[in-house]
């Protein structure tokens, strides 16, 4: 190209050619950068979906276990003080059998804690932990804390990737 002398004008088509050359190079770089950003966003999005699903599943299990324990506690409260004993839990259909089992063997209680199991109890008011939770088990027991006072403890446990999770609720039932 020749140099322009002062006062000489550059033809319009030459200016347009220079501008188009510059625009073409920027457009290619911008397109590559936009493609890179879109790919990065897609990778981040695809990496978060499995984590979100796993977390949602854990929250669903915790909600189901808490609901089961609350239903059992409410059922015991409704039945009243005379029915808040281990023997009456079996009679009223709140326990699978009268045999006590250790909560520690399933990993949801301290050593020596004995309770009645309600894993397969399924009534209109209380659902079965075995049906609602993965590897679900339920335990219930009552202890006399005073002359007219019993403490009822409900433990609902389940397995998440071979780790035992549990919910424990306790209530007091008085002889009024």
Protein backbone atom coordinates (compact mmCIF):
# COMPACT_ATOMS: atom_id res chain seq x y z
CA UNK A 1 0.00 0.00 0.00
CA UNK A 2 1.13 3.44 -0.61
CA UNK A 3 1.32 6.13 2.00
CA UNK A 4 -1.16 8.92 1.81
CA UNK A 5 0.13 12.40 1.71
CA UNK A 6 -1.47 15.04 3.87
CA UNK A 7 -4.64 16.34 2.32
CA UNK A 8 -5.17 13.28 0.13
CA UNK A 9 -8.35 11.36 0.84
CA UNK A 10 -8.57 7.59 1.01
CA UNK A 11 -11.22 6.08 -1.22
CA UNK A 12 -14.24 4.85 0.69
CA UNK A 13 -14.03 1.26 -0.60
CA UNK A 14 -10.46 0.98 0.76
CA UNK A 15 -11.62 2.06 4.22
CA UNK A 16 -14.42 -0.52 4.10
CA UNK A 17 -11.99 -3.29 3.13
CA UNK A 18 -9.73 -2.47 6.09
CA UNK A 19 -12.69 -2.42 8.49
CA UNK A 20 -14.02 -5.71 7.14
CA UNK A 21 -10.64 -7.38 7.59
CA UNK A 22 -10.55 -6.25 11.23
CA UNK A 23 -14.15 -7.32 11.83
CA UNK A 24 -13.63 -10.80 10.39
CA UNK A 25 -10.73 -11.51 12.77
CA UNK A 26 -12.66 -10.26 15.80
CA UNK A 27 -15.72 -12.26 14.86
CA UNK A 28 -13.78 -15.53 14.75
CA UNK A 29 -12.14 -14.86 18.13
CA UNK A 30 -15.45 -13.81 19.65
CA UNK A 31 -17.17 -16.94 18.30
CA UNK A 32 -14.47 -19.17 19.77
CA UNK A 33 -14.68 -17.37 23.11
CA UNK A 34 -18.48 -17.66 23.17
CA UNK A 35 -18.22 -21.38 22.37
CA UNK A 36 -15.75 -21.83 25.21
CA UNK A 37 -18.05 -20.01 27.65
CA UNK A 38 -21.05 -22.07 26.56
CA UNK A 39 -19.06 -25.29 27.00
CA UNK A 40 -17.86 -24.21 30.46
CA UNK A 41 -21.43 -23.39 31.54
CA UNK A 42 -22.69 -26.74 30.24
CA UNK A 43 -19.96 -28.62 32.13
CA UNK A 44 -20.71 -26.78 35.38
CA UNK A 45 -24.44 -27.39 34.98
CA UNK A 46 -23.99 -31.09 34.22
CA UNK A 47 -21.70 -31.51 37.23
CA UNK A 48 -24.24 -30.03 39.67
CA UNK A 49 -27.28 -32.10 38.61
CA UNK A 50 -26.15 -35.43 40.18
CA UNK A 51 -25.22 -33.69 43.44
CA UNK A 52 -28.60 -31.97 43.57
CA UNK A 53 -30.44 -35.27 43.00
CA UNK A 54 -28.41 -37.01 45.71
CA UNK A 55 -29.09 -34.22 48.20
CA UNK A 56 -32.80 -34.22 47.37
CA UNK A 57 -32.95 -37.98 47.95
CA UNK A 58 -31.29 -37.65 51.35
CA UNK A 59 -33.71 -34.90 52.33
CA UNK A 60 -36.67 -37.05 51.23
CA UNK A 61 -35.44 -39.91 53.43
CA UNK A 62 -35.02 -37.59 56.42
CA UNK A 63 -38.52 -36.15 55.91
CA UNK A 64 -40.07 -39.61 55.61
CA UNK A 65 -38.30 -40.86 58.75
CA UNK A 66 -39.31 -37.79 60.74
CA UNK A 67 -42.90 -38.17 59.58
CA UNK A 68 -42.97 -41.84 60.59
CA UNK A 69 -41.58 -41.06 64.04
CA UNK A 70 -44.05 -38.21 64.54
CA UNK A 71 -46.98 -40.41 63.54
CA UNK A 72 -45.91 -43.07 66.02
CA UNK A 73 -45.48 -40.50 68.82
CA UNK A 74 -48.93 -39.04 68.09
CA UNK A 75 -50.46 -42.51 68.10
CA UNK A 76 -48.94 -43.24 71.52
CA UNK A 77 -50.13 -39.88 72.88
CA UNK A 78 -53.62 -40.56 71.52
CA UNK A 79 -53.75 -44.00 73.17
CA UNK A 80 -52.89 -42.41 76.53
CA UNK A 81 -50.92 -43.35 79.62
CA UNK A 82 -52.45 -46.82 80.20
CA UNK A 83 -51.35 -47.92 76.71
CA UNK A 84 -47.87 -46.35 76.85
CA UNK A 85 -45.99 -49.49 77.85
CA UNK A 86 -43.99 -52.09 75.94
CA UNK A 87 -46.64 -54.77 76.55
CA UNK A 88 -49.45 -52.53 75.29
CA UNK A 89 -47.48 -51.52 72.18
CA UNK A 90 -47.68 -55.14 71.02
CA UNK A 91 -51.37 -55.51 71.96
CA UNK A 92 -52.28 -52.27 70.12
CA UNK A 93 -50.37 -53.28 66.98
CA UNK A 94 -47.59 -50.72 67.35
CA UNK A 95 -44.81 -53.34 67.46
CA UNK A 96 -43.97 -56.41 65.37
CA UNK A 97 -43.48 -58.72 68.37
CA UNK A 98 -42.89 -58.65 72.10
CA UNK A 99 -39.22 -59.60 71.70
CA UNK A 100 -36.84 -56.80 72.56
CA UNK A 101 -33.99 -56.14 70.15
CA UNK A 102 -30.89 -54.00 70.46
CA UNK A 103 -30.86 -50.71 68.58
CA UNK A 104 -27.06 -50.83 68.59
CA UNK A 105 -26.99 -53.85 66.25
CA UNK A 106 -28.46 -51.69 63.47
CA UNK A 107 -26.20 -48.78 64.40
CA UNK A 108 -28.87 -46.36 65.58
CA UNK A 109 -28.58 -46.48 69.35
CA UNK A 110 -26.19 -46.82 72.26
CA UNK A 111 -25.00 -50.20 73.45
CA UNK A 112 -27.48 -51.84 75.78
CA UNK A 113 -30.55 -49.98 74.53
CA UNK A 114 -33.38 -52.50 74.08
CA UNK A 115 -36.56 -51.68 72.16
CA UNK A 116 -39.51 -53.24 70.40
CA UNK A 117 -39.25 -53.27 66.63
CA UNK A 118 -42.02 -51.83 64.43
CA UNK A 119 -40.32 -52.30 61.07
CA UNK A 120 -43.24 -54.12 59.42
CA UNK A 121 -46.14 -52.45 61.24
CA UNK A 122 -48.43 -50.87 58.68
CA UNK A 123 -51.72 -49.40 59.81
CA UNK A 124 -53.91 -46.59 58.62
CA UNK A 125 -52.17 -44.16 60.94
CA UNK A 126 -48.58 -45.41 60.93
CA UNK A 127 -46.68 -46.57 57.84
CA UNK A 128 -44.04 -49.27 57.74
CA UNK A 129 -40.42 -48.05 57.82
CA UNK A 130 -39.43 -51.06 55.70
CA UNK A 131 -41.74 -49.89 52.89
CA UNK A 132 -41.01 -46.16 53.07
CA UNK A 133 -37.23 -46.06 53.62
CA UNK A 134 -34.26 -47.94 52.11
CA UNK A 135 -33.35 -50.59 54.67
CA UNK A 136 -35.79 -48.94 57.08
CA UNK A 137 -36.29 -50.11 60.67
CA UNK A 138 -38.32 -48.70 63.51
CA UNK A 139 -37.92 -49.07 67.27
CA UNK A 140 -40.14 -48.01 70.16
CA UNK A 141 -39.80 -48.38 73.91
CA UNK A 142 -41.26 -46.91 77.08
CA UNK A 143 -39.61 -46.29 80.44
CA UNK A 144 -41.24 -45.31 83.70
CA UNK A 145 -39.79 -41.93 84.76
CA UNK A 146 -42.09 -41.17 87.67
CA UNK A 147 -45.13 -42.47 89.53
CA UNK A 148 -47.55 -41.27 86.83
CA UNK A 149 -45.09 -40.48 84.03
CA UNK A 150 -43.68 -42.57 81.17
CA UNK A 151 -41.11 -41.61 78.60
CA UNK A 152 -41.69 -43.05 75.12
CA UNK A 153 -38.85 -43.05 72.60
CA UNK A 154 -39.26 -43.75 68.89
CA UNK A 155 -36.25 -44.40 66.66
CA UNK A 156 -36.56 -44.65 62.87
CA UNK A 157 -33.39 -45.74 61.05
CA UNK A 158 -32.44 -46.37 57.42
CA UNK A 159 -29.35 -47.01 55.29
CA UNK A 160 -27.82 -44.52 52.85
CA UNK A 161 -24.87 -46.03 50.99
CA UNK A 162 -24.18 -48.46 53.84
CA UNK A 163 -24.25 -45.64 56.42
CA UNK A 164 -26.98 -45.81 59.05
CA UNK A 165 -29.01 -42.62 59.51
CA UNK A 166 -31.66 -42.25 62.18
CA UNK A 167 -34.28 -39.97 63.70
CA UNK A 168 -35.01 -40.20 67.43
CA UNK A 169 -38.08 -38.59 69.03
CA UNK A 170 -39.00 -38.75 72.71
CA UNK A 171 -42.18 -37.72 74.50
CA UNK A 172 -43.55 -37.86 78.01
CA UNK A 173 -46.99 -39.34 78.65
CA UNK A 174 -48.64 -38.52 81.98
CA UNK A 175 -51.50 -40.18 83.81
CA UNK A 176 -53.96 -37.32 84.08
